[in-house]
């Protein structure tokens, strides 16, 4: 089964939100149960990035790339980068993977690679 990360579509005006919001920022009318989950696209464009060098032990890497990606539907999200030499404006594709392990839990997030 392929893992997905979801945006949330307002049932009244159709506006997409990521991450989840309690009230629609477009129409301002919805309550928390008036959104439908919509899978986020996995293709996008890298807008900005940085590298973190001093990480907690549960990350198990010496350096972690993070980037803000504008997805093909216009929403933006933060994700890990598995790209040795990222460039602004490059096309990327993401997969939902384990991004951090804790004692008995796995935390999933989007990991982007060059398209």
Protein backbone atom coordinates (compact mmCIF):
# COMPACT_ATOMS: atom_id res chain seq x y z
CA UNK A 1 0.00 0.00 0.00
CA UNK A 2 1.41 3.37 -1.04
CA UNK A 3 1.41 6.01 1.71
CA UNK A 4 -0.12 9.41 0.99
CA UNK A 5 -0.07 12.84 2.59
CA UNK A 6 -3.38 14.67 2.27
CA UNK A 7 -4.53 18.21 1.68
CA UNK A 8 -8.05 19.13 2.76
CA UNK A 9 -10.69 20.53 0.41
CA UNK A 10 -13.39 22.85 1.74
CA UNK A 11 -16.83 21.38 0.99
CA UNK A 12 -18.31 24.84 0.44
CA UNK A 13 -15.81 26.61 -1.84
CA UNK A 14 -13.36 23.84 -2.84
CA UNK A 15 -10.23 25.64 -1.57
CA UNK A 16 -7.35 23.29 -0.73
CA UNK A 17 -5.50 23.56 2.58
CA UNK A 18 -2.26 21.99 3.75
CA UNK A 19 -1.72 21.48 6.58
CA UNK A 20 -5.20 21.01 8.06
CA UNK A 21 -7.06 24.13 9.18
CA UNK A 22 -10.09 24.38 11.47
CA UNK A 23 -11.74 27.07 9.29
CA UNK A 24 -11.43 27.65 5.55
CA UNK A 25 -9.12 30.61 4.87
CA UNK A 26 -11.00 31.40 1.64
CA UNK A 27 -14.68 31.41 2.65
CA UNK A 28 -14.26 31.37 6.45
CA UNK A 29 -17.44 29.37 6.81
CA UNK A 30 -16.42 25.81 7.59
CA UNK A 31 -16.18 23.95 10.85
CA UNK A 32 -13.52 21.26 11.48
CA UNK A 33 -15.58 18.42 9.99
CA UNK A 34 -16.42 20.12 6.71
CA UNK A 35 -13.28 19.23 4.76
CA UNK A 36 -12.58 16.26 2.52
CA UNK A 37 -9.09 14.68 2.36
CA UNK A 38 -7.39 14.90 -1.04
CA UNK A 39 -4.04 13.19 -1.75
CA UNK A 40 -1.27 15.68 -2.39
CA UNK A 41 0.58 15.43 -5.71
CA UNK A 42 4.18 14.30 -5.41
CA UNK A 43 5.68 16.42 -8.20
CA UNK A 44 6.79 19.99 -7.73
CA UNK A 45 9.45 22.70 -7.91
CA UNK A 46 12.05 23.39 -5.23
CA UNK A 47 11.60 26.99 -4.00
CA UNK A 48 14.21 27.14 -1.23
CA UNK A 49 16.35 24.78 0.85
CA UNK A 50 18.75 24.53 3.75
CA UNK A 51 20.93 21.93 5.46
CA UNK A 52 20.82 21.14 9.18
CA UNK A 53 24.10 19.81 10.60
CA UNK A 54 23.45 19.35 14.36
CA UNK A 55 20.63 16.83 14.57
CA UNK A 56 19.20 14.78 17.43
CA UNK A 57 20.34 11.14 17.49
CA UNK A 58 17.04 9.73 16.20
CA UNK A 59 17.74 11.16 12.72
CA UNK A 60 20.74 8.85 12.20
CA UNK A 61 22.37 11.16 9.63
CA UNK A 62 25.14 13.76 9.87
CA UNK A 63 23.40 16.30 7.62
CA UNK A 64 19.73 16.74 6.75
CA UNK A 65 18.46 18.66 3.73
CA UNK A 66 15.10 20.42 4.05
CA UNK A 67 13.26 22.18 1.27
CA UNK A 68 10.08 24.08 0.54
CA UNK A 69 8.45 22.65 -2.58
CA UNK A 70 5.60 24.14 -4.58
CA UNK A 71 3.54 21.13 -5.61
CA UNK A 72 1.89 20.81 -9.02
CA UNK A 73 -1.47 21.92 -7.53
CA UNK A 74 0.04 25.17 -6.15
CA UNK A 75 0.23 24.16 -2.48
CA UNK A 76 3.59 24.38 -0.75
CA UNK A 77 5.06 21.93 1.71
CA UNK A 78 8.25 21.37 3.67
CA UNK A 79 10.01 18.07 3.13
CA UNK A 80 13.33 16.34 3.46
CA UNK A 81 15.68 16.46 0.47
CA UNK A 82 17.61 13.44 -0.76
CA UNK A 83 19.55 15.52 -3.30
CA UNK A 84 23.33 15.97 -3.06
CA UNK A 85 23.45 19.35 -4.83
CA UNK A 86 19.97 20.96 -4.88
CA UNK A 87 19.28 23.94 -7.14
CA UNK A 88 16.51 26.50 -6.80
CA UNK A 89 13.79 25.94 -9.36
CA UNK A 90 14.68 22.30 -10.01
CA UNK A 91 11.88 19.77 -10.56
CA UNK A 92 11.50 17.25 -7.76
CA UNK A 93 9.34 14.23 -7.00
CA UNK A 94 8.48 13.04 -3.51
CA UNK A 95 7.76 9.78 -1.74
CA UNK A 96 6.29 9.28 1.71
CA UNK A 97 8.98 7.55 3.77
CA UNK A 98 10.18 7.17 7.33
CA UNK A 99 11.89 10.45 8.22
CA UNK A 100 12.56 9.77 11.91
CA UNK A 101 12.58 6.77 14.22
CA UNK A 102 11.77 6.91 17.90
CA UNK A 103 11.82 4.12 20.48
CA UNK A 104 8.80 2.21 19.11
CA UNK A 105 7.47 4.58 16.49
CA UNK A 106 8.21 5.61 12.93
CA UNK A 107 7.44 9.14 11.77
CA UNK A 108 6.56 9.51 8.10
CA UNK A 109 7.00 12.54 5.87
CA UNK A 110 7.75 13.54 2.31
CA UNK A 111 11.26 12.94 0.97
CA UNK A 112 12.00 14.74 -2.29
CA UNK A 113 14.47 13.63 -4.96
CA UNK A 114 15.44 15.15 -8.32
CA UNK A 115 12.86 14.38 -11.00
